[in-house]
Amino acid sequence: MKNNIKDSYSKQLVQLLSENYVDLDSKNVLILVLLNALLVPTSKSYQIDKITGRRRLAKTSIVDAQKSFLLNTHTINDLYNQIQKEIENCYSLKQTLQPIVCIVGTEYVSIKEYQQITPRKR
């Protein structure tokens, strides 16, 4: 598995996955994070260049795919604000918002809780 991962940050997470001091919930979250490193995203999307105003083709990176799949906040109080930012961002880009796995904790190794949320527009 280590040989197939090209992203250096994801390689560090694989190292943490094999450590004994990591609890089961943290290992589950690490596996979710590493999904996008093992199954490299192949999607492409059009983005509008802010300088020229032209559309350009952009390839989705591993980090972009992880950010669209997982939402990491430090405290439970920040969770609502982060979800509202995601809703407003998708609304301004005229995109739909997909279900998100929300993780509360400072790092993936020391999480307090995680849950799956399906945000809705208001």
PDB file of N, CA and C in Angstrom:
ATOM      1  N   MET A   1       0.821  -1.184   0.000  1.00  0.00           N
ATOM      2  CA  MET A   1       0.000   0.000   0.000  1.00  0.00           C
ATOM      3  C   MET A   1       0.874   1.260   0.000  1.00  0.00           C
ATOM      4  N   LYS A   2       1.980   1.236   0.700  1.00  0.00           N
ATOM      5  CA  LYS A   2       2.834   2.417   0.769  1.00  0.00           C
ATOM      6  C   LYS A   2       3.439   2.763  -0.578  1.00  0.00           C
ATOM      7  N   ASN A   3       3.680   1.764  -1.412  1.00  0.00           N
ATOM      8  CA  ASN A   3       4.305   2.010  -2.701  1.00  0.00           C
ATOM      9  C   ASN A   3       3.356   2.677  -3.683  1.00  0.00           C
ATOM     10  N   ASN A   4       2.051   2.503  -3.511  1.00  0.00           N
ATOM     11  CA  ASN A   4       1.082   3.051  -4.449  1.00  0.00           C
ATOM     12  C   ASN A   4       0.732   4.506  -4.169  1.00  0.00           C
ATOM     13  N   ILE A   5       1.101   5.037  -3.030  1.00  0.00           N
ATOM     14  CA  ILE A   5       0.731   6.403  -2.643  1.00  0.00           C
ATOM     15  C   ILE A   5       1.839   7.361  -3.054  1.00  0.00           C
ATOM     16  N   LYS A   6       1.435   8.427  -3.777  1.00  0.00           N
ATOM     17  CA  LYS A   6       2.413   9.404  -4.259  1.00  0.00           C
ATOM     18  C   LYS A   6       2.478  10.655  -3.385  1.00  0.00           C
ATOM     19  N   ASP A   7       1.412  10.971  -2.697  1.00  0.00           N
ATOM     20  CA  ASP A   7       1.332  12.161  -1.865  1.00  0.00           C
ATOM     21  C   ASP A   7       2.136  11.965  -0.585  1.00  0.00           C
ATOM     22  N   SER A   8       3.022  12.902  -0.257  1.00  0.00           N
ATOM     23  CA  SER A   8       3.899  12.739   0.911  1.00  0.00           C
ATOM     24  C   SER A   8       3.122  12.801   2.225  1.00  0.00           C
ATOM     25  N   TYR A   9       2.118  13.668   2.311  1.00  0.00           N
ATOM     26  CA  TYR A   9       1.316  13.753   3.536  1.00  0.00           C
ATOM     27  C   TYR A   9       0.554  12.449   3.763  1.00  0.00           C
ATOM     28  N   SER A  10       0.061  11.856   2.705  1.00  0.00           N
ATOM     29  CA  SER A  10      -0.669  10.593   2.829  1.00  0.00           C
ATOM     30  C   SER A  10       0.267   9.464   3.240  1.00  0.00           C
ATOM     31  N   LYS A  11       1.518   9.528   2.830  1.00  0.00           N
ATOM     32  CA  LYS A  11       2.495   8.526   3.272  1.00  0.00           C
ATOM     33  C   LYS A  11       2.713   8.604   4.774  1.00  0.00           C
ATOM     34  N   GLN A  12       2.718   9.819   5.313  1.00  0.00           N
ATOM     35  CA  GLN A  12       2.850   9.984   6.757  1.00  0.00           C
ATOM     36  C   GLN A  12       1.635   9.424   7.491  1.00  0.00           C
ATOM     37  N   LEU A  13       0.457   9.587   6.894  1.00  0.00           N
ATOM     38  CA  LEU A  13      -0.759   9.054   7.512  1.00  0.00           C
ATOM     39  C   LEU A  13      -0.764   7.531   7.494  1.00  0.00           C
ATOM     40  N   VAL A  14      -0.186   6.929   6.473  1.00  0.00           N
ATOM     41  CA  VAL A  14      -0.067   5.465   6.440  1.00  0.00           C
ATOM     42  C   VAL A  14       0.843   4.996   7.565  1.00  0.00           C
ATOM     43  N   GLN A  15       1.909   5.740   7.829  1.00  0.00           N
ATOM     44  CA  GLN A  15       2.803   5.413   8.950  1.00  0.00           C
ATOM     45  C   GLN A  15       2.032   5.462  10.276  1.00  0.00           C
ATOM     46  N   LEU A  16       1.183   6.489  10.443  1.00  0.00           N
ATOM     47  CA  LEU A  16       0.396   6.606  11.680  1.00  0.00           C
ATOM     48  C   LEU A  16      -0.611   5.473  11.815  1.00  0.00           C
ATOM     49  N   LEU A  17      -1.106   4.993  10.695  1.00  0.00           N
ATOM     50  CA  LEU A  17      -2.094   3.919  10.713  1.00  0.00           C
ATOM     51  C   LEU A  17      -1.525   2.638  11.306  1.00  0.00           C
ATOM     52  N   SER A  18      -0.230   2.434  11.147  1.00  0.00           N
ATOM     53  CA  SER A  18       0.394   1.217  11.659  1.00  0.00           C
ATOM     54  C   SER A  18       0.870   1.341  13.108  1.00  0.00           C
ATOM     55  N   GLU A  19       0.760   2.525  13.693  1.00  0.00           N
ATOM     56  CA  GLU A  19       1.189   2.724  15.081  1.00  0.00           C
ATOM     57  C   GLU A  19       0.198   2.080  16.051  1.00  0.00           C
ATOM     58  N   ASN A  20       0.696   1.645  17.194  1.00  0.00           N
ATOM     59  CA  ASN A  20      -0.144   0.965  18.182  1.00  0.00           C
ATOM     60  C   ASN A  20      -0.927   1.920  19.074  1.00  0.00           C
ATOM     61  N   TYR A  21      -0.448   3.155  19.242  1.00  0.00           N
ATOM     62  CA  TYR A  21      -1.110   4.072  20.160  1.00  0.00           C
ATOM     63  C   TYR A  21      -2.348   4.748  19.561  1.00  0.00           C
ATOM     64  N   VAL A  22      -2.642   4.524  18.289  1.00  0.00           N
ATOM     65  CA  VAL A  22      -3.799   5.134  17.636  1.00  0.00           C
ATOM     66  C   VAL A  22      -5.038   4.289  17.928  1.00  0.00           C
ATOM     67  N   ASP A  23      -6.104   4.940  18.432  1.00  0.00           N
ATOM     68  CA  ASP A  23      -7.320   4.201  18.776  1.00  0.00           C
ATOM     69  C   ASP A  23      -8.133   3.857  17.519  1.00  0.00           C
ATOM     70  N   LEU A  24      -9.178   3.079  17.695  1.00  0.00           N
ATOM     71  CA  LEU A  24      -9.951   2.541  16.574  1.00  0.00           C
ATOM     72  C   LEU A  24     -10.662   3.636  15.778  1.00  0.00           C
ATOM     73  N   ASP A  25     -11.248   4.633  16.468  1.00  0.00           N
ATOM     74  CA  ASP A  25     -11.934   5.718  15.769  1.00  0.00           C
ATOM     75  C   ASP A  25     -10.966   6.519  14.892  1.00  0.00           C
ATOM     76  N   SER A  26      -9.788   6.770  15.412  1.00  0.00           N
ATOM     77  CA  SER A  26      -8.789   7.497  14.634  1.00  0.00           C
ATOM     78  C   SER A  26      -8.318   6.682  13.437  1.00  0.00           C
ATOM     79  N   LYS A  27      -8.193   5.378  13.603  1.00  0.00           N
ATOM     80  CA  LYS A  27      -7.814   4.529  12.471  1.00  0.00           C
ATOM     81  C   LYS A  27      -8.889   4.540  11.387  1.00  0.00           C
ATOM     82  N   ASN A  28     -10.156   4.551  11.800  1.00  0.00           N
ATOM     83  CA  ASN A  28     -11.244   4.625  10.831  1.00  0.00           C
ATOM     84  C   ASN A  28     -11.202   5.926  10.039  1.00  0.00           C
ATOM     85  N   VAL A  29     -10.931   7.027  10.724  1.00  0.00           N
ATOM     86  CA  VAL A  29     -10.836   8.315  10.048  1.00  0.00           C
ATOM     87  C   VAL A  29      -9.621   8.347   9.118  1.00  0.00           C
ATOM     88  N   LEU A  30      -8.507   7.781   9.559  1.00  0.00           N
ATOM     89  CA  LEU A  30      -7.319   7.737   8.702  1.00  0.00           C
ATOM     90  C   LEU A  30      -7.589   6.945   7.422  1.00  0.00           C
ATOM     91  N   ILE A  31      -8.343   5.880   7.536  1.00  0.00           N
ATOM     92  CA  ILE A  31      -8.690   5.093   6.340  1.00  0.00           C
ATOM     93  C   ILE A  31      -9.557   5.923   5.405  1.00  0.00           C
ATOM     94  N   LEU A  32     -10.497   6.693   5.942  1.00  0.00           N
ATOM     95  CA  LEU A  32     -11.322   7.561   5.105  1.00  0.00           C
ATOM     96  C   LEU A  32     -10.482   8.625   4.400  1.00  0.00           C
ATOM     97  N   VAL A  33      -9.517   9.176   5.103  1.00  0.00           N
ATOM     98  CA  VAL A  33      -8.649  10.195   4.512  1.00  0.00           C
ATOM     99  C   VAL A  33      -7.795   9.584   3.403  1.00  0.00           C
ATOM    100  N   LEU A  34      -7.338   8.369   3.625  1.00  0.00           N
ATOM    101  CA  LEU A  34      -6.444   7.727   2.657  1.00  0.00           C
ATOM    102  C   LEU A  34      -7.163   7.163   1.435  1.00  0.00           C
ATOM    103  N   LEU A  35      -8.481   7.138   1.452  1.00  0.00           N
ATOM    104  CA  LEU A  35      -9.212   6.644   0.281  1.00  0.00           C
ATOM    105  C   LEU A  35      -8.855   7.422  -0.981  1.00  0.00           C
ATOM    106  N   ASN A  36      -8.757   8.732  -0.872  1.00  0.00           N
ATOM    107  CA  ASN A  36      -8.447   9.553  -2.034  1.00  0.00           C
ATOM    108  C   ASN A  36      -6.986   9.470  -2.449  1.00  0.00           C
ATOM    109  N   ALA A  37      -6.131   8.981  -1.580  1.00  0.00           N
ATOM    110  CA  ALA A  37      -4.733   8.783  -1.957  1.00  0.00           C
ATOM    111  C   ALA A  37      -4.547   7.445  -2.668  1.00  0.00           C
ATOM    112  N   LEU A  38      -5.330   6.459  -2.266  1.00  0.00           N
ATOM    113  CA  LEU A  38      -5.248   5.149  -2.914  1.00  0.00           C
ATOM    114  C   LEU A  38      -5.999   5.126  -4.239  1.00  0.00           C
ATOM    115  N   LEU A  39      -7.190   5.695  -4.241  1.00  0.00           N
ATOM    116  CA  LEU A  39      -7.991   5.803  -5.464  1.00  0.00           C
ATOM    117  C   LEU A  39      -7.869   7.241  -5.959  1.00  0.00           C
ATOM    118  N   VAL A  40      -6.856   7.504  -6.741  1.00  0.00           N
ATOM    119  CA  VAL A  40      -6.523   8.862  -7.153  1.00  0.00           C
ATOM    120  C   VAL A  40      -7.682   9.454  -7.962  1.00  0.00           C
ATOM    121  N   PRO A  41      -8.095  10.688  -7.629  1.00  0.00           N
ATOM    122  CA  PRO A  41      -9.217  11.299  -8.348  1.00  0.00           C
ATOM    123  C   PRO A  41      -8.872  11.556  -9.814  1.00  0.00           C
ATOM    124  N   THR A  42      -9.821  11.281 -10.685  1.00  0.00           N
ATOM    125  CA  THR A  42      -9.617  11.484 -12.127  1.00  0.00           C
ATOM    126  C   THR A  42     -10.546  12.543 -12.690  1.00  0.00           C
ATOM    127  N   SER A  43     -11.343  13.167 -11.844  1.00  0.00           N
ATOM    128  CA  SER A  43     -12.311  14.139 -12.344  1.00  0.00           C
ATOM    129  C   SER A  43     -11.621  15.444 -12.743  1.00  0.00           C
ATOM    130  N   LYS A  44     -12.256  16.122 -13.667  1.00  0.00           N
ATOM    131  CA  LYS A  44     -11.792  17.427 -14.124  1.00  0.00           C
ATOM    132  C   LYS A  44     -12.991  18.356 -14.133  1.00  0.00           C
ATOM    133  N   SER A  45     -12.756  19.619 -13.876  1.00  0.00           N
ATOM    134  CA  SER A  45     -13.844  20.584 -13.859  1.00  0.00           C
ATOM    135  C   SER A  45     -13.368  21.881 -14.491  1.00  0.00           C
ATOM    136  N   TYR A  46     -14.323  22.696 -14.868  1.00  0.00           N
ATOM    137  CA  TYR A  46     -14.007  24.000 -15.426  1.00  0.00           C
ATOM    138  C   TYR A  46     -14.036  25.042 -14.330  1.00  0.00           C
ATOM    139  N   GLN A  47     -13.011  25.888 -14.330  1.00  0.00           N
ATOM    140  CA  GLN A  47     -12.954  26.998 -13.392  1.00  0.00           C
ATOM    141  C   GLN A  47     -12.755  28.272 -14.189  1.00  0.00           C
ATOM    142  N   ILE A  48     -13.294  29.365 -13.687  1.00  0.00           N
ATOM    143  CA  ILE A  48     -13.136  30.648 -14.363  1.00  0.00           C
ATOM    144  C   ILE A  48     -11.927  31.356 -13.770  1.00  0.00           C
ATOM    145  N   ASP A  49     -10.990  31.712 -14.639  1.00  0.00           N
ATOM    146  CA  ASP A  49      -9.794  32.420 -14.214  1.00  0.00           C
ATOM    147  C   ASP A  49     -10.183  33.842 -13.822  1.00  0.00           C
ATOM    148  N   LYS A  50      -9.810  34.273 -12.621  1.00  0.00           N
ATOM    149  CA  LYS A  50     -10.217  35.580 -12.118  1.00  0.00           C
ATOM    150  C   LYS A  50      -9.532  36.725 -12.847  1.00  0.00           C
ATOM    151  N   ILE A  51      -8.358  36.489 -13.388  1.00  0.00           N
ATOM    152  CA  ILE A  51      -7.613  37.552 -14.063  1.00  0.00           C
ATOM    153  C   ILE A  51      -8.121  37.757 -15.489  1.00  0.00           C
ATOM    154  N   THR A  52      -8.185  36.674 -16.248  1.00  0.00           N
ATOM    155  CA  THR A  52      -8.574  36.791 -17.655  1.00  0.00           C
ATOM    156  C   THR A  52     -10.068  36.614 -17.881  1.00  0.00           C
ATOM    157  N   GLY A  53     -10.774  35.977 -16.956  1.00  0.00           N
ATOM    158  CA  GLY A  53     -12.195  35.738 -17.119  1.00  0.00           C
ATOM    159  C   GLY A  53     -12.511  34.565 -18.031  1.00  0.00           C
ATOM    160  N   ARG A  54     -11.518  33.793 -18.412  1.00  0.00           N
ATOM    161  CA  ARG A  54     -11.712  32.636 -19.278  1.00  0.00           C
ATOM    162  C   ARG A  54     -11.900  31.369 -18.465  1.00  0.00           C
ATOM    163  N   ARG A  55     -12.594  30.424 -19.089  1.00  0.00           N
ATOM    164  CA  ARG A  55     -12.752  29.116 -18.457  1.00  0.00           C
ATOM    165  C   ARG A  55     -11.514  28.287 -18.733  1.00  0.00           C
ATOM    166  N   ARG A  56     -11.084  27.561 -17.714  1.00  0.00           N
ATOM    167  CA  ARG A  56      -9.944  26.662 -17.899  1.00  0.00           C
ATOM    168  C   ARG A  56     -10.256  25.328 -17.239  1.00  0.00           C
ATOM    169  N   LEU A  57      -9.665  24.291 -17.787  1.00  0.00           N
ATOM    170  CA  LEU A  57      -9.870  22.944 -17.279  1.00  0.00           C
ATOM    171  C   LEU A  57      -8.940  22.702 -16.092  1.00  0.00           C
ATOM    172  N   ALA A  58      -9.489  22.263 -14.971  1.00  0.00           N
ATOM    173  CA  ALA A  58      -8.698  22.023 -13.760  1.00  0.00           C
ATOM    174  C   ALA A  58      -8.849  20.570 -13.336  1.00  0.00           C
ATOM    175  N   LYS A  59      -7.731  19.934 -13.046  1.00  0.00           N
ATOM    176  CA  LYS A  59      -7.730  18.554 -12.588  1.00  0.00           C
ATOM    177  C   LYS A  59      -7.851  18.540 -11.061  1.00  0.00           C
ATOM    178  N   THR A  60      -8.664  17.656 -10.532  1.00  0.00           N
ATOM    179  CA  THR A  60      -8.863  17.554  -9.090  1.00  0.00           C
ATOM    180  C   THR A  60      -7.661  16.868  -8.451  1.00  0.00           C
ATOM    181  N   SER A  61      -7.093  17.493  -7.423  1.00  0.00           N
ATOM    182  CA  SER A  61      -5.945  16.916  -6.726  1.00  0.00           C
ATOM    183  C   SER A  61      -6.419  16.036  -5.571  1.00  0.00           C
ATOM    184  N   ILE A  62      -5.485  15.332  -4.961  1.00  0.00           N
ATOM    185  CA  ILE A  62      -5.810  14.479  -3.820  1.00  0.00           C
ATOM    186  C   ILE A  62      -6.310  15.316  -2.646  1.00  0.00           C
ATOM    187  N   VAL A  63      -5.680  16.453  -2.409  1.00  0.00           N
ATOM    188  CA  VAL A  63      -6.068  17.324  -1.300  1.00  0.00           C
ATOM    189  C   VAL A  63      -7.461  17.917  -1.547  1.00  0.00           C
ATOM    190  N   ASP A  64      -7.745  18.318  -2.787  1.00  0.00           N
ATOM    191  CA  ASP A  64      -9.074  18.845  -3.103  1.00  0.00           C
ATOM    192  C   ASP A  64     -10.154  17.788  -2.876  1.00  0.00           C
ATOM    193  N   ALA A  65      -9.861  16.564  -3.272  1.00  0.00           N
ATOM    194  CA  ALA A  65     -10.827  15.477  -3.085  1.00  0.00           C
ATOM    195  C   ALA A  65     -11.043  15.193  -1.604  1.00  0.00           C
ATOM    196  N   GLN A  66      -9.975  15.262  -0.804  1.00  0.00           N
ATOM    197  CA  GLN A  66     -10.115  15.054   0.638  1.00  0.00           C
ATOM    198  C   GLN A  66     -10.936  16.163   1.279  1.00  0.00           C
ATOM    199  N   LYS A  67     -10.732  17.401   0.835  1.00  0.00           N
ATOM    200  CA  LYS A  67     -11.484  18.524   1.399  1.00  0.00           C
ATOM    201  C   LYS A  67     -12.958  18.465   1.035  1.00  0.00           C
ATOM    202  N   SER A  68     -13.286  17.920  -0.129  1.00  0.00           N
ATOM    203  CA  SER A  68     -14.684  17.836  -0.513  1.00  0.00           C
ATOM    204  C   SER A  68     -15.389  16.669   0.173  1.00  0.00           C
ATOM    205  N   PHE A  69     -14.629  15.733   0.705  1.00  0.00           N
ATOM    206  CA  PHE A  69     -15.177  14.537   1.324  1.00  0.00           C
ATOM    207  C   PHE A  69     -15.219  14.638   2.844  1.00  0.00           C
ATOM    208  N   LEU A  70     -14.233  15.311   3.437  1.00  0.00           N
ATOM    209  CA  LEU A  70     -14.100  15.413   4.893  1.00  0.00           C
ATOM    210  C   LEU A  70     -14.075  16.873   5.325  1.00  0.00           C
ATOM    211  N   LEU A  71     -14.689  17.151   6.457  1.00  0.00           N
ATOM    212  CA  LEU A  71     -14.666  18.481   7.044  1.00  0.00           C
ATOM    213  C   LEU A  71     -14.110  18.345   8.453  1.00  0.00           C
ATOM    214  N   ASN A  72     -12.943  18.940   8.691  1.00  0.00           N
ATOM    215  CA  ASN A  72     -12.269  18.817   9.978  1.00  0.00           C
ATOM    216  C   ASN A  72     -12.373  20.137  10.726  1.00  0.00           C
ATOM    217  N   THR A  73     -12.940  20.109  11.942  1.00  0.00           N
ATOM    218  CA  THR A  73     -13.023  21.293  12.791  1.00  0.00           C
ATOM    219  C   THR A  73     -12.379  20.992  14.133  1.00  0.00           C
ATOM    220  N   HIS A  74     -11.934  22.028  14.806  1.00  0.00           N
ATOM    221  CA  HIS A  74     -11.268  21.849  16.097  1.00  0.00           C
ATOM    222  C   HIS A  74     -12.264  21.617  17.228  1.00  0.00           C
ATOM    223  N   THR A  75     -13.390  22.326  17.193  1.00  0.00           N
ATOM    224  CA  THR A  75     -14.399  22.164  18.234  1.00  0.00           C
ATOM    225  C   THR A  75     -15.764  21.955  17.593  1.00  0.00           C
ATOM    226  N   ILE A  76     -16.703  21.461  18.370  1.00  0.00           N
ATOM    227  CA  ILE A  76     -18.054  21.227  17.872  1.00  0.00           C
ATOM    228  C   ILE A  76     -18.754  22.546  17.559  1.00  0.00           C
ATOM    229  N   ASN A  77     -18.345  23.635  18.225  1.00  0.00           N
ATOM    230  CA  ASN A  77     -18.939  24.944  17.977  1.00  0.00           C
ATOM    231  C   ASN A  77     -18.576  25.473  16.588  1.00  0.00           C
ATOM    232  N   ASP A  78     -17.401  25.123  16.093  1.00  0.00           N
ATOM    233  CA  ASP A  78     -16.980  25.561  14.767  1.00  0.00           C
ATOM    234  C   ASP A  78     -17.667  24.785  13.646  1.00  0.00           C
ATOM    235  N   LEU A  79     -18.266  23.662  13.978  1.00  0.00           N
ATOM    236  CA  LEU A  79     -18.847  22.793  12.958  1.00  0.00           C
ATOM    237  C   LEU A  79     -19.982  23.487  12.198  1.00  0.00           C
ATOM    238  N   TYR A  80     -20.878  24.140  12.903  1.00  0.00           N
ATOM    239  CA  TYR A  80     -22.001  24.811  12.249  1.00  0.00           C
ATOM    240  C   TYR A  80     -21.502  25.905  11.306  1.00  0.00           C
ATOM    241  N   ASN A  81     -20.527  26.692  11.748  1.00  0.00           N
ATOM    242  CA  ASN A  81     -19.996  27.771  10.908  1.00  0.00           C
ATOM    243  C   ASN A  81     -19.332  27.219   9.647  1.00  0.00           C
ATOM    244  N   GLN A  82     -18.583  26.135   9.775  1.00  0.00           N
ATOM    245  CA  GLN A  82     -17.923  25.536   8.612  1.00  0.00           C
ATOM    246  C   GLN A  82     -18.945  24.986   7.618  1.00  0.00           C
ATOM    247  N   ILE A  83     -20.008  24.374   8.128  1.00  0.00           N
ATOM    248  CA  ILE A  83     -21.044  23.839   7.241  1.00  0.00           C
ATOM    249  C   ILE A  83     -21.748  24.982   6.514  1.00  0.00           C
ATOM    250  N   GLN A  84     -22.020  26.084   7.218  1.00  0.00           N
ATOM    251  CA  GLN A  84     -22.641  27.235   6.564  1.00  0.00           C
ATOM    252  C   GLN A  84     -21.747  27.808   5.474  1.00  0.00           C
ATOM    253  N   LYS A  85     -20.427  27.850   5.704  1.00  0.00           N
ATOM    254  CA  LYS A  85     -19.497  28.331   4.677  1.00  0.00           C
ATOM    255  C   LYS A  85     -19.526  27.432   3.453  1.00  0.00           C
ATOM    256  N   GLU A  86     -19.589  26.119   3.671  1.00  0.00           N
ATOM    257  CA  GLU A  86     -19.660  25.173   2.547  1.00  0.00           C
ATOM    258  C   GLU A  86     -20.943  25.367   1.745  1.00  0.00           C
ATOM    259  N   ILE A  87     -22.059  25.566   2.436  1.00  0.00           N
ATOM    260  CA  ILE A  87     -23.336  25.777   1.759  1.00  0.00           C
ATOM    261  C   ILE A  87     -23.300  27.062   0.933  1.00  0.00           C
ATOM    262  N   GLU A  88     -22.772  28.134   1.521  1.00  0.00           N
ATOM    263  CA  GLU A  88     -22.701  29.405   0.796  1.00  0.00           C
ATOM    264  C   GLU A  88     -21.747  29.324  -0.388  1.00  0.00           C
ATOM    265  N   ASN A  89     -20.639  28.606  -0.227  1.00  0.00           N
ATOM    266  CA  ASN A  89     -19.677  28.453  -1.312  1.00  0.00           C
ATOM    267  C   ASN A  89     -20.300  27.686  -2.477  1.00  0.00           C
ATOM    268  N   CYS A  90     -20.979  26.605  -2.184  1.00  0.00           N
ATOM    269  CA  CYS A  90     -21.629  25.820  -3.241  1.00  0.00           C
ATOM    270  C   CYS A  90     -22.760  26.599  -3.889  1.00  0.00           C
ATOM    271  N   TYR A  91     -23.472  27.384  -3.104  1.00  0.00           N
ATOM    272  CA  TYR A  91     -24.563  28.189  -3.646  1.00  0.00           C
ATOM    273  C   TYR A  91     -24.025  29.254  -4.603  1.00  0.00           C
ATOM    274  N   SER A  92     -22.908  29.885  -4.248  1.00  0.00           N
ATOM    275  CA  SER A  92     -22.332  30.917  -5.114  1.00  0.00           C
ATOM    276  C   SER A  92     -21.749  30.327  -6.396  1.00  0.00           C
ATOM    277  N   LEU A  93     -21.261  29.088  -6.326  1.00  0.00           N
ATOM    278  CA  LEU A  93     -20.720  28.422  -7.522  1.00  0.00           C
ATOM    279  C   LEU A  93     -21.783  27.658  -8.304  1.00  0.00           C
ATOM    280  N   LYS A  94     -23.030  27.684  -7.804  1.00  0.00           N
ATOM    281  CA  LYS A  94     -24.158  26.983  -8.425  1.00  0.00           C
ATOM    282  C   LYS A  94     -23.883  25.477  -8.540  1.00  0.00           C
ATOM    283  N   GLN A  95     -23.397  24.913  -7.439  1.00  0.00           N
ATOM    284  CA  GLN A  95     -23.126  23.484  -7.368  1.00  0.00           C
ATOM    285  C   GLN A  95     -23.984  22.868  -6.268  1.00  0.00           C
ATOM    286  N   THR A  96     -24.151  21.558  -6.340  1.00  0.00           N
ATOM    287  CA  THR A  96     -24.860  20.860  -5.277  1.00  0.00           C
ATOM    288  C   THR A  96     -23.859  20.450  -4.208  1.00  0.00           C
ATOM    289  N   LEU A  97     -24.333  20.367  -2.988  1.00  0.00           N
ATOM    290  CA  LEU A  97     -23.483  19.979  -1.866  1.00  0.00           C
ATOM    291  C   LEU A  97     -23.718  18.521  -1.542  1.00  0.00           C
ATOM    292  N   GLN A  98     -22.653  17.762  -1.519  1.00  0.00           N
ATOM    293  CA  GLN A  98     -22.727  16.335  -1.251  1.00  0.00           C
ATOM    294  C   GLN A  98     -22.632  16.082   0.257  1.00  0.00           C
ATOM    295  N   PRO A  99     -23.039  14.894   0.711  1.00  0.00           N
ATOM    296  CA  PRO A  99     -22.862  14.559   2.132  1.00  0.00           C
ATOM    297  C   PRO A  99     -21.388  14.619   2.540  1.00  0.00           C
ATOM    298  N   ILE A 100     -21.143  15.052   3.764  1.00  0.00           N
ATOM    299  CA  ILE A 100     -19.788  15.276   4.257  1.00  0.00           C
ATOM    300  C   ILE A 100     -19.579  14.469   5.532  1.00  0.00           C
ATOM    301  N   VAL A 101     -18.386  13.925   5.688  1.00  0.00           N
ATOM    302  CA  VAL A 101     -17.993  13.299   6.955  1.00  0.00           C
ATOM    303  C   VAL A 101     -17.326  14.388   7.787  1.00  0.00           C
ATOM    304  N   CYS A 102     -17.928  14.705   8.932  1.00  0.00           N
ATOM    305  CA  CYS A 102     -17.418  15.774   9.798  1.00  0.00           C
ATOM    306  C   CYS A 102     -16.589  15.174  10.919  1.00  0.00           C
ATOM    307  N   ILE A 103     -15.414  15.725  11.120  1.00  0.00           N
ATOM    308  CA  ILE A 103     -14.480  15.241  12.130  1.00  0.00           C
ATOM    309  C   ILE A 103     -14.199  16.379  13.098  1.00  0.00           C
ATOM    310  N   VAL A 104     -14.359  16.118  14.385  1.00  0.00           N
ATOM    311  CA  VAL A 104     -14.075  17.116  15.411  1.00  0.00           C
ATOM    312  C   VAL A 104     -12.815  16.685  16.138  1.00  0.00           C
ATOM    313  N   GLY A 105     -11.791  17.528  16.084  1.00  0.00           N
ATOM    314  CA  GLY A 105     -10.514  17.247  16.729  1.00  0.00           C
ATOM    315  C   GLY A 105      -9.417  18.052  16.065  1.00  0.00           C
ATOM    316  N   THR A 106      -8.285  18.170  16.747  1.00  0.00           N
ATOM    317  CA  THR A 106      -7.203  18.978  16.201  1.00  0.00           C
ATOM    318  C   THR A 106      -6.439  18.246  15.101  1.00  0.00           C
ATOM    319  N   GLU A 107      -6.310  16.934  15.215  1.00  0.00           N
ATOM    320  CA  GLU A 107      -5.604  16.119  14.229  1.00  0.00           C
ATOM    321  C   GLU A 107      -6.430  14.872  13.973  1.00  0.00           C
ATOM    322  N   TYR A 108      -6.048  14.148  12.924  1.00  0.00           N
ATOM    323  CA  TYR A 108      -6.756  12.908  12.615  1.00  0.00           C
ATOM    324  C   TYR A 108      -6.484  11.828  13.655  1.00  0.00           C
ATOM    325  N   VAL A 109      -5.390  11.947  14.391  1.00  0.00           N
ATOM    326  CA  VAL A 109      -5.034  10.938  15.387  1.00  0.00           C
ATOM    327  C   VAL A 109      -5.761  11.190  16.703  1.00  0.00           C
ATOM    328  N   SER A 110      -6.060  12.436  17.005  1.00  0.00           N
ATOM    329  CA  SER A 110      -6.696  12.764  18.284  1.00  0.00           C
ATOM    330  C   SER A 110      -8.089  13.356  18.054  1.00  0.00           C
ATOM    331  N   ILE A 111      -8.973  12.575  17.454  1.00  0.00           N
ATOM    332  CA  ILE A 111     -10.316  13.076  17.193  1.00  0.00           C
ATOM    333  C   ILE A 111     -11.194  12.891  18.417  1.00  0.00           C
ATOM    334  N   LYS A 112     -12.181  13.770  18.541  1.00  0.00           N
ATOM    335  CA  LYS A 112     -13.134  13.667  19.639  1.00  0.00           C
ATOM    336  C   LYS A 112     -14.388  12.926  19.196  1.00  0.00           C
ATOM    337  N   GLU A 113     -14.846  13.191  17.979  1.00  0.00           N
ATOM    338  CA  GLU A 113     -15.996  12.484  17.421  1.00  0.00           C
ATOM    339  C   GLU A 113     -16.033  12.711  15.918  1.00  0.00           C
ATOM    340  N   TYR A 114     -16.777  11.871  15.232  1.00  0.00           N
ATOM    341  CA  TYR A 114     -17.010  12.081  13.804  1.00  0.00           C
ATOM    342  C   TYR A 114     -18.403  11.596  13.462  1.00  0.00           C
ATOM    343  N   GLN A 115     -18.972  12.216  12.440  1.00  0.00           N
ATOM    344  CA  GLN A 115     -20.326  11.870  12.021  1.00  0.00           C
ATOM    345  C   GLN A 115     -20.513  12.270  10.571  1.00  0.00           C
ATOM    346  N   GLN A 116     -21.523  11.697   9.947  1.00  0.00           N
ATOM    347  CA  GLN A 116     -21.858  12.015   8.567  1.00  0.00           C
ATOM    348  C   GLN A 116     -23.036  12.956   8.577  1.00  0.00           C
ATOM    349  N   ILE A 117     -22.906  14.076   7.839  1.00  0.00           N
ATOM    350  CA  ILE A 117     -23.957  15.084   7.802  1.00  0.00           C
ATOM    351  C   ILE A 117     -24.324  15.358   6.352  1.00  0.00           C
ATOM    352  N   THR A 118     -25.626  15.478   6.100  1.00  0.00           N
ATOM    353  CA  THR A 118     -26.102  15.878   4.792  1.00  0.00           C
ATOM    354  C   THR A 118     -26.663  17.290   4.920  1.00  0.00           C
ATOM    355  N   PRO A 119     -25.864  18.315   4.595  1.00  0.00           N
ATOM    356  CA  PRO A 119     -26.348  19.694   4.717  1.00  0.00           C
ATOM    357  C   PRO A 119     -27.421  19.998   3.669  1.00  0.00           C
ATOM    358  N   ARG A 120     -28.328  20.882   4.023  1.00  0.00           N
ATOM    359  CA  ARG A 120     -29.375  21.293   3.097  1.00  0.00           C
ATOM    360  C   ARG A 120     -29.354  22.808   2.981  1.00  0.00           C
ATOM    361  N   LYS A 121     -29.725  23.299   1.811  1.00  0.00           N
ATOM    362  CA  LYS A 121     -29.829  24.753   1.630  1.00  0.00           C
ATOM    363  C   LYS A 121     -31.036  25.268   2.392  1.00  0.00           C
ATOM    364  N   ARG A 122     -30.913  26.490   2.872  1.00  0.00           N
ATOM    365  CA  ARG A 122     -32.045  27.115   3.574  1.00  0.00           C
ATOM    366  C   ARG A 122     -32.652  28.185   2.715  1.00  0.00           C
TER     367      ARG A 122
END
